[in-house]
Amino acid sequence: MNTNITPRFDLVGIVVSDMAATLAFYRRLGLEFPEGSEGQPHVEAALPGGLRIAFDTEETIRSFDKNWEPPQSAGRIGLAFHCEIPEGVDAAYEELVGAGYHGELEPWDAFWGQRYASVLDPDGNGVDLFAPLPGPPA
């Protein structure tokens, strides 16, 4: 048996309070989930590059950790979606805010050379939208 195995980063897991609302949000960002996933306690999606993202309901977590409680402050993770071009950031932001999601940071030209914006998912997790600006960073 080989005991020199190196763990490989494989999955980002997020605990959600409302699976249907969460999947609706992330579908708007291009993630694909099987039809009917809204009623499942655990849902996964493959990401480009071989990683996976998984969503578990609060009830699922409590099924194996009876003392688990959701954080009382804002989300504790951040996800970022590359929007290819600066106009893509604006379009994604407007689409999400127009659908009723909270716009945390309106699109702006960041000093590090990206068009950048942030929205919150249904559980308050920050989701950044970004794309490179033309030319070198300012």
N, C-alpha and C. Protein backbone atom coordinates (compact mmCIF):
# COMPACT_ATOMS: atom_id res chain seq x y z
N MET A 1 0.85 -1.19 0.00
CA MET A 1 0.00 0.00 0.00
C MET A 1 0.88 1.24 0.00
N ASN A 2 0.58 2.20 -0.86
CA ASN A 2 1.33 3.46 -0.95
C ASN A 2 0.82 4.44 0.09
N THR A 3 1.67 4.78 1.04
CA THR A 3 1.27 5.75 2.08
C THR A 3 1.79 7.14 1.77
N ASN A 4 2.38 7.35 0.61
CA ASN A 4 2.91 8.66 0.21
C ASN A 4 1.96 9.37 -0.74
N ILE A 5 0.69 9.28 -0.49
CA ILE A 5 -0.32 9.91 -1.35
C ILE A 5 -0.47 11.36 -0.95
N THR A 6 -0.45 12.25 -1.94
CA THR A 6 -0.65 13.67 -1.70
C THR A 6 -2.10 14.02 -1.99
N PRO A 7 -2.81 14.59 -1.02
CA PRO A 7 -4.18 14.99 -1.29
C PRO A 7 -4.26 15.99 -2.44
N ARG A 8 -5.33 15.91 -3.23
CA ARG A 8 -5.55 16.79 -4.38
C ARG A 8 -6.82 17.59 -4.15
N PHE A 9 -6.72 18.91 -4.26
CA PHE A 9 -7.90 19.77 -4.11
C PHE A 9 -8.91 19.38 -5.17
N ASP A 10 -10.16 19.11 -4.75
CA ASP A 10 -11.15 18.54 -5.65
C ASP A 10 -12.49 19.25 -5.62
N LEU A 11 -12.89 19.84 -4.48
CA LEU A 11 -14.26 20.28 -4.33
C LEU A 11 -14.36 21.49 -3.41
N VAL A 12 -15.24 22.42 -3.78
CA VAL A 12 -15.63 23.52 -2.91
C VAL A 12 -17.04 23.20 -2.44
N GLY A 13 -17.22 23.12 -1.14
CA GLY A 13 -18.53 22.80 -0.59
C GLY A 13 -19.15 24.00 0.10
N ILE A 14 -20.42 24.23 -0.13
CA ILE A 14 -21.13 25.37 0.44
C ILE A 14 -22.41 24.87 1.09
N VAL A 15 -22.66 25.28 2.32
CA VAL A 15 -23.89 24.94 3.02
C VAL A 15 -24.93 26.00 2.67
N VAL A 16 -26.13 25.55 2.30
CA VAL A 16 -27.16 26.48 1.83
C VAL A 16 -28.44 26.34 2.65
N SER A 17 -29.15 27.43 2.76
CA SER A 17 -30.42 27.40 3.49
C SER A 17 -31.59 27.07 2.57
N ASP A 18 -31.46 27.32 1.27
CA ASP A 18 -32.55 27.08 0.31
C ASP A 18 -31.92 26.59 -1.00
N MET A 19 -31.98 25.28 -1.22
CA MET A 19 -31.33 24.69 -2.39
C MET A 19 -31.87 25.27 -3.70
N ALA A 20 -33.17 25.41 -3.82
CA ALA A 20 -33.75 25.92 -5.07
C ALA A 20 -33.27 27.33 -5.37
N ALA A 21 -33.26 28.20 -4.36
CA ALA A 21 -32.80 29.58 -4.56
C ALA A 21 -31.32 29.60 -4.92
N THR A 22 -30.53 28.76 -4.29
CA THR A 22 -29.09 28.71 -4.57
C THR A 22 -28.84 28.24 -6.00
N LEU A 23 -29.50 27.17 -6.41
CA LEU A 23 -29.28 26.66 -7.77
C LEU A 23 -29.75 27.66 -8.82
N ALA A 24 -30.83 28.36 -8.56
CA ALA A 24 -31.30 29.40 -9.50
C ALA A 24 -30.24 30.47 -9.68
N PHE A 25 -29.63 30.90 -8.58
CA PHE A 25 -28.57 31.93 -8.63
C PHE A 25 -27.38 31.43 -9.46
N TYR A 26 -26.86 30.26 -9.13
CA TYR A 26 -25.65 29.77 -9.80
C TYR A 26 -25.91 29.32 -11.24
N ARG A 27 -27.13 28.94 -11.56
CA ARG A 27 -27.46 28.67 -12.96
C ARG A 27 -27.33 29.95 -13.79
N ARG A 28 -27.68 31.08 -13.21
CA ARG A 28 -27.55 32.36 -13.92
C ARG A 28 -26.09 32.69 -14.21
N LEU A 29 -25.18 32.05 -13.49
CA LEU A 29 -23.75 32.24 -13.73
C LEU A 29 -23.15 31.12 -14.58
N GLY A 30 -24.00 30.28 -15.15
CA GLY A 30 -23.55 29.28 -16.10
C GLY A 30 -23.29 27.89 -15.55
N LEU A 31 -23.48 27.67 -14.25
CA LEU A 31 -23.29 26.32 -13.72
C LEU A 31 -24.48 25.45 -14.10
N GLU A 32 -24.22 24.19 -14.34
CA GLU A 32 -25.27 23.27 -14.76
C GLU A 32 -25.50 22.22 -13.69
N PHE A 33 -26.78 22.00 -13.40
CA PHE A 33 -27.19 21.00 -12.42
C PHE A 33 -28.27 20.14 -13.05
N PRO A 34 -28.33 18.86 -12.66
CA PRO A 34 -29.37 17.99 -13.22
C PRO A 34 -30.77 18.52 -12.93
N GLU A 35 -31.67 18.28 -13.85
CA GLU A 35 -33.07 18.65 -13.67
C GLU A 35 -33.60 18.00 -12.40
N GLY A 36 -34.36 18.74 -11.61
CA GLY A 36 -34.93 18.21 -10.38
C GLY A 36 -34.01 18.29 -9.17
N SER A 37 -32.84 18.89 -9.32
CA SER A 37 -31.89 18.98 -8.21
C SER A 37 -32.37 19.85 -7.06
N GLU A 38 -33.33 20.72 -7.33
CA GLU A 38 -33.80 21.67 -6.32
C GLU A 38 -34.29 20.99 -5.04
N GLY A 39 -34.80 19.78 -5.15
CA GLY A 39 -35.32 19.08 -3.98
C GLY A 39 -34.33 18.14 -3.33
N GLN A 40 -33.09 18.12 -3.80
CA GLN A 40 -32.09 17.20 -3.27
C GLN A 40 -31.34 17.83 -2.08
N PRO A 41 -30.84 17.01 -1.17
CA PRO A 41 -30.09 17.54 -0.02
C PRO A 41 -28.62 17.83 -0.35
N HIS A 42 -28.11 17.27 -1.45
CA HIS A 42 -26.71 17.46 -1.87
C HIS A 42 -26.71 17.52 -3.40
N VAL A 43 -26.08 18.57 -3.93
CA VAL A 43 -26.02 18.75 -5.39
C VAL A 43 -24.61 19.16 -5.75
N GLU A 44 -24.09 18.59 -6.84
CA GLU A 44 -22.75 18.93 -7.32
C GLU A 44 -22.78 19.35 -8.78
N ALA A 45 -21.78 20.14 -9.15
CA ALA A 45 -21.58 20.51 -10.55
C ALA A 45 -20.09 20.45 -10.86
N ALA A 46 -19.77 19.99 -12.05
CA ALA A 46 -18.39 19.99 -12.51
C ALA A 46 -18.01 21.40 -12.94
N LEU A 47 -16.79 21.79 -12.62
CA LEU A 47 -16.28 23.10 -12.99
C LEU A 47 -15.17 22.93 -14.02
N PRO A 48 -14.92 23.95 -14.83
CA PRO A 48 -13.79 23.87 -15.76
C PRO A 48 -12.50 23.59 -14.99
N GLY A 49 -11.65 22.76 -15.56
CA GLY A 49 -10.39 22.45 -14.92
C GLY A 49 -10.46 21.24 -14.00
N GLY A 50 -11.63 20.63 -13.88
CA GLY A 50 -11.73 19.41 -13.11
C GLY A 50 -12.19 19.54 -11.67
N LEU A 51 -12.32 20.75 -11.16
CA LEU A 51 -12.85 20.91 -9.81
C LEU A 51 -14.35 20.70 -9.82
N ARG A 52 -14.90 20.55 -8.61
CA ARG A 52 -16.35 20.43 -8.46
C ARG A 52 -16.80 21.43 -7.40
N ILE A 53 -18.06 21.84 -7.50
CA ILE A 53 -18.69 22.66 -6.47
C ILE A 53 -19.88 21.85 -5.97
N ALA A 54 -20.07 21.86 -4.66
CA ALA A 54 -21.17 21.09 -4.07
C ALA A 54 -21.95 21.97 -3.12
N PHE A 55 -23.24 21.73 -3.08
CA PHE A 55 -24.12 22.46 -2.17
C PHE A 55 -24.83 21.43 -1.29
N ASP A 56 -24.82 21.68 0.00
CA ASP A 56 -25.52 20.81 0.96
C ASP A 56 -26.48 21.67 1.76
N THR A 57 -27.67 21.14 1.99
CA THR A 57 -28.62 21.88 2.82
C THR A 57 -28.17 21.85 4.28
N GLU A 58 -28.66 22.80 5.04
CA GLU A 58 -28.35 22.83 6.47
C GLU A 58 -28.77 21.53 7.14
N GLU A 59 -29.89 20.96 6.72
CA GLU A 59 -30.37 19.71 7.28
C GLU A 59 -29.39 18.57 7.02
N THR A 60 -28.77 18.57 5.84
CA THR A 60 -27.79 17.53 5.52
C THR A 60 -26.61 17.61 6.49
N ILE A 61 -26.12 18.80 6.74
CA ILE A 61 -24.99 18.94 7.65
C ILE A 61 -25.39 18.49 9.06
N ARG A 62 -26.57 18.87 9.49
CA ARG A 62 -27.03 18.46 10.82
C ARG A 62 -27.25 16.95 10.93
N SER A 63 -27.43 16.27 9.80
CA SER A 63 -27.63 14.82 9.85
C SER A 63 -26.40 14.09 10.36
N PHE A 64 -25.22 14.68 10.21
CA PHE A 64 -24.00 14.04 10.74
C PHE A 64 -23.27 14.90 11.76
N ASP A 65 -23.71 16.14 11.95
CA ASP A 65 -23.14 17.03 12.97
C ASP A 65 -24.29 17.73 13.68
N LYS A 66 -24.82 17.08 14.70
CA LYS A 66 -26.03 17.57 15.39
C LYS A 66 -25.86 18.96 15.99
N ASN A 67 -24.64 19.38 16.28
CA ASN A 67 -24.39 20.69 16.91
C ASN A 67 -24.10 21.80 15.91
N TRP A 68 -24.13 21.50 14.61
CA TRP A 68 -23.79 22.52 13.61
C TRP A 68 -24.81 23.65 13.62
N GLU A 69 -24.32 24.86 13.57
CA GLU A 69 -25.15 26.06 13.47
C GLU A 69 -24.61 26.92 12.34
N PRO A 70 -25.49 27.55 11.57
CA PRO A 70 -25.00 28.43 10.49
C PRO A 70 -24.29 29.65 11.07
N PRO A 71 -23.31 30.19 10.35
CA PRO A 71 -22.63 31.40 10.81
C PRO A 71 -23.64 32.54 11.02
N GLN A 72 -23.39 33.38 11.99
CA GLN A 72 -24.30 34.48 12.28
C GLN A 72 -23.93 35.76 11.53
N SER A 73 -22.77 35.77 10.92
CA SER A 73 -22.36 36.95 10.15
C SER A 73 -22.50 36.65 8.66
N ALA A 74 -21.99 37.53 7.85
CA ALA A 74 -22.07 37.36 6.39
C ALA A 74 -21.33 36.10 5.97
N GLY A 75 -21.49 35.74 4.71
CA GLY A 75 -20.82 34.56 4.18
C GLY A 75 -19.33 34.57 4.46
N ARG A 76 -18.75 33.40 4.52
CA ARG A 76 -17.34 33.28 4.86
C ARG A 76 -16.49 32.77 3.71
N ILE A 77 -17.07 32.65 2.55
CA ILE A 77 -16.30 32.25 1.38
C ILE A 77 -16.47 33.30 0.31
N GLY A 78 -15.63 33.27 -0.65
CA GLY A 78 -15.77 34.13 -1.81
C GLY A 78 -15.53 33.32 -3.07
N LEU A 79 -16.38 33.47 -4.03
CA LEU A 79 -16.21 32.83 -5.32
C LEU A 79 -16.06 33.92 -6.37
N ALA A 80 -15.37 33.60 -7.45
CA ALA A 80 -15.17 34.59 -8.51
C ALA A 80 -15.43 33.95 -9.86
N PHE A 81 -16.13 34.68 -10.72
CA PHE A 81 -16.45 34.21 -12.06
C PHE A 81 -15.81 35.15 -13.08
N HIS A 82 -15.01 34.57 -13.97
CA HIS A 82 -14.34 35.32 -15.04
C HIS A 82 -15.37 35.58 -16.13
N CYS A 83 -15.57 36.84 -16.49
CA CYS A 83 -16.60 37.23 -17.46
C CYS A 83 -16.05 37.55 -18.84
N GLU A 84 -14.81 37.20 -19.11
CA GLU A 84 -14.13 37.33 -20.40
C GLU A 84 -13.79 38.75 -20.80
N ILE A 85 -14.78 39.64 -20.87
CA ILE A 85 -14.53 41.02 -21.29
C ILE A 85 -15.19 41.97 -20.29
N PRO A 86 -14.71 43.21 -20.20
CA PRO A 86 -15.29 44.15 -19.24
C PRO A 86 -16.81 44.29 -19.36
N GLU A 87 -17.33 44.30 -20.57
CA GLU A 87 -18.77 44.42 -20.76
C GLU A 87 -19.52 43.20 -20.20
N GLY A 88 -18.83 42.07 -20.14
CA GLY A 88 -19.42 40.87 -19.56
C GLY A 88 -19.67 41.01 -18.07
N VAL A 89 -18.78 41.75 -17.39
CA VAL A 89 -18.97 42.01 -15.96
C VAL A 89 -20.24 42.82 -15.75
N ASP A 90 -20.38 43.89 -16.53
CA ASP A 90 -21.55 44.75 -16.40
C ASP A 90 -22.83 43.98 -16.72
N ALA A 91 -22.80 43.17 -17.76
CA ALA A 91 -23.99 42.42 -18.16
C ALA A 91 -24.38 41.40 -17.09
N ALA A 92 -23.41 40.66 -16.56
CA ALA A 92 -23.71 39.66 -15.53
C ALA A 92 -24.24 40.34 -14.27
N TYR A 93 -23.62 41.45 -13.87
CA TYR A 93 -24.06 42.18 -12.69
C TYR A 93 -25.50 42.66 -12.86
N GLU A 94 -25.79 43.30 -13.99
CA GLU A 94 -27.14 43.82 -14.24
C GLU A 94 -28.17 42.69 -14.30
N GLU A 95 -27.80 41.56 -14.87
CA GLU A 95 -28.72 40.44 -14.95
C GLU A 95 -29.06 39.91 -13.56
N LEU A 96 -28.04 39.77 -12.71
CA LEU A 96 -28.26 39.25 -11.36
C LEU A 96 -29.03 40.24 -10.50
N VAL A 97 -28.64 41.50 -10.51
CA VAL A 97 -29.34 42.52 -9.72
C VAL A 97 -30.77 42.68 -10.23
N GLY A 98 -30.94 42.64 -11.55
CA GLY A 98 -32.27 42.74 -12.13
C GLY A 98 -33.17 41.56 -11.74
N ALA A 99 -32.55 40.43 -11.42
CA ALA A 99 -33.32 39.25 -10.98
C ALA A 99 -33.58 39.28 -9.48
N GLY A 100 -33.12 40.35 -8.81
CA GLY A 100 -33.43 40.51 -7.40
C GLY A 100 -32.31 40.17 -6.43
N TYR A 101 -31.13 39.81 -6.93
CA TYR A 101 -30.01 39.51 -6.03
C TYR A 101 -29.34 40.81 -5.59
N HIS A 102 -28.73 40.78 -4.42
CA HIS A 102 -28.12 41.98 -3.85
C HIS A 102 -26.80 42.31 -4.53
N GLY A 103 -26.73 43.51 -5.11
CA GLY A 103 -25.49 44.00 -5.68
C GLY A 103 -24.65 44.62 -4.56
N GLU A 104 -23.55 43.98 -4.23
CA GLU A 104 -22.70 44.44 -3.13
C GLU A 104 -21.75 45.54 -3.59
N LEU A 105 -21.23 45.42 -4.80
CA LEU A 105 -20.27 46.38 -5.33
C LEU A 105 -20.52 46.54 -6.82
N GLU A 106 -20.96 47.71 -7.22
CA GLU A 106 -21.25 47.96 -8.64
C GLU A 106 -19.97 47.84 -9.48
N PRO A 107 -20.11 47.49 -10.75
CA PRO A 107 -18.94 47.36 -11.61
C PRO A 107 -18.08 48.63 -11.62
N TRP A 108 -16.77 48.42 -11.57
CA TRP A 108 -15.82 49.53 -11.60
C TRP A 108 -14.50 49.03 -12.19
N ASP A 109 -13.70 49.97 -12.64
CA ASP A 109 -12.39 49.64 -13.19
C ASP A 109 -11.38 49.66 -12.05
N ALA A 110 -10.98 48.48 -11.61
CA ALA A 110 -10.07 48.34 -10.47
C ALA A 110 -8.64 48.72 -10.85
N PHE A 111 -7.92 49.24 -9.90
CA PHE A 111 -6.55 49.69 -10.15
C PHE A 111 -5.62 48.54 -10.52
N TRP A 112 -6.00 47.30 -10.24
CA TRP A 112 -5.15 46.16 -10.58
C TRP A 112 -5.40 45.65 -12.00
N GLY A 113 -6.22 46.39 -12.77
CA GLY A 113 -6.38 46.07 -14.19
C GLY A 113 -7.56 45.19 -14.55
N GLN A 114 -8.58 45.20 -13.72
CA GLN A 114 -9.76 44.40 -14.02
C GLN A 114 -11.03 45.24 -13.88
N ARG A 115 -12.03 44.90 -14.67
CA ARG A 115 -13.40 45.36 -14.44
C ARG A 115 -13.92 44.42 -13.37
N TYR A 116 -14.52 44.95 -12.31
CA TYR A 116 -14.79 44.15 -11.11
C TYR A 116 -16.12 44.54 -10.50
N ALA A 117 -16.85 43.57 -10.00
CA ALA A 117 -18.12 43.80 -9.32
C ALA A 117 -18.36 42.64 -8.36
N SER A 118 -19.27 42.83 -7.40
CA SER A 118 -19.63 41.76 -6.46
C SER A 118 -21.14 41.74 -6.23
N VAL A 119 -21.66 40.53 -6.15
CA VAL A 119 -23.06 40.31 -5.78
C VAL A 119 -23.07 39.28 -4.65
N LEU A 120 -24.20 39.19 -3.96
CA LEU A 120 -24.31 38.19 -2.90
C LEU A 120 -25.25 37.08 -3.34
N ASP A 121 -24.87 35.83 -3.06
CA ASP A 121 -25.76 34.72 -3.36
C ASP A 121 -26.87 34.68 -2.31
N PRO A 122 -27.83 33.77 -2.41
CA PRO A 122 -28.95 33.78 -1.48
C PRO A 122 -28.56 33.60 0.00
N ASP A 123 -27.37 33.08 0.29
CA ASP A 123 -26.92 32.91 1.67
C ASP A 123 -25.94 33.99 2.11
N GLY A 124 -25.76 35.03 1.29
CA GLY A 124 -24.89 36.13 1.67
C GLY A 124 -23.42 35.94 1.33
N ASN A 125 -23.09 34.90 0.57
CA ASN A 125 -21.71 34.69 0.16
C ASN A 125 -21.36 35.65 -0.98
N GLY A 126 -20.19 36.25 -0.90
CA GLY A 126 -19.74 37.15 -1.95
C GLY A 126 -19.36 36.40 -3.21
N VAL A 127 -19.88 36.86 -4.34
CA VAL A 127 -19.56 36.30 -5.64
C VAL A 127 -19.05 37.45 -6.50
N ASP A 128 -17.76 37.37 -6.85
CA ASP A 128 -17.13 38.43 -7.63
C ASP A 128 -17.24 38.11 -9.11
N LEU A 129 -17.38 39.16 -9.88
CA LEU A 129 -17.42 39.10 -11.34
C LEU A 129 -16.24 39.92 -11.83
N PHE A 130 -15.43 39.39 -12.73
CA PHE A 130 -14.26 40.14 -13.18
C PHE A 130 -13.88 39.81 -14.60
N ALA A 131 -13.15 40.72 -15.22
CA ALA A 131 -12.58 40.53 -16.54
C ALA A 131 -11.40 41.48 -16.67
N PRO A 132 -10.39 41.10 -17.45
CA PRO A 132 -9.25 42.00 -17.62
C PRO A 132 -9.64 43.24 -18.41
N LEU A 133 -9.07 44.38 -18.01
CA LEU A 133 -9.24 45.62 -18.77
C LEU A 133 -8.21 45.63 -19.90
N PRO A 134 -8.49 46.28 -21.00
CA PRO A 134 -7.50 46.37 -22.07
C PRO A 134 -6.26 47.11 -21.58
N GLY A 135 -5.10 46.67 -22.03
CA GLY A 135 -3.85 47.34 -21.70
C GLY A 135 -3.30 46.91 -20.36
N PRO A 136 -2.13 47.46 -19.99
CA PRO A 136 -1.49 47.09 -18.72
C PRO A 136 -2.22 47.68 -17.53
N PRO A 137 -2.10 47.04 -16.33
CA PRO A 137 -2.72 47.59 -15.13
C PRO A 137 -2.21 48.99 -14.85
N ALA A 138 -3.09 49.85 -14.31
CA ALA A 138 -2.72 51.24 -14.01
C ALA A 138 -1.76 51.31 -12.85
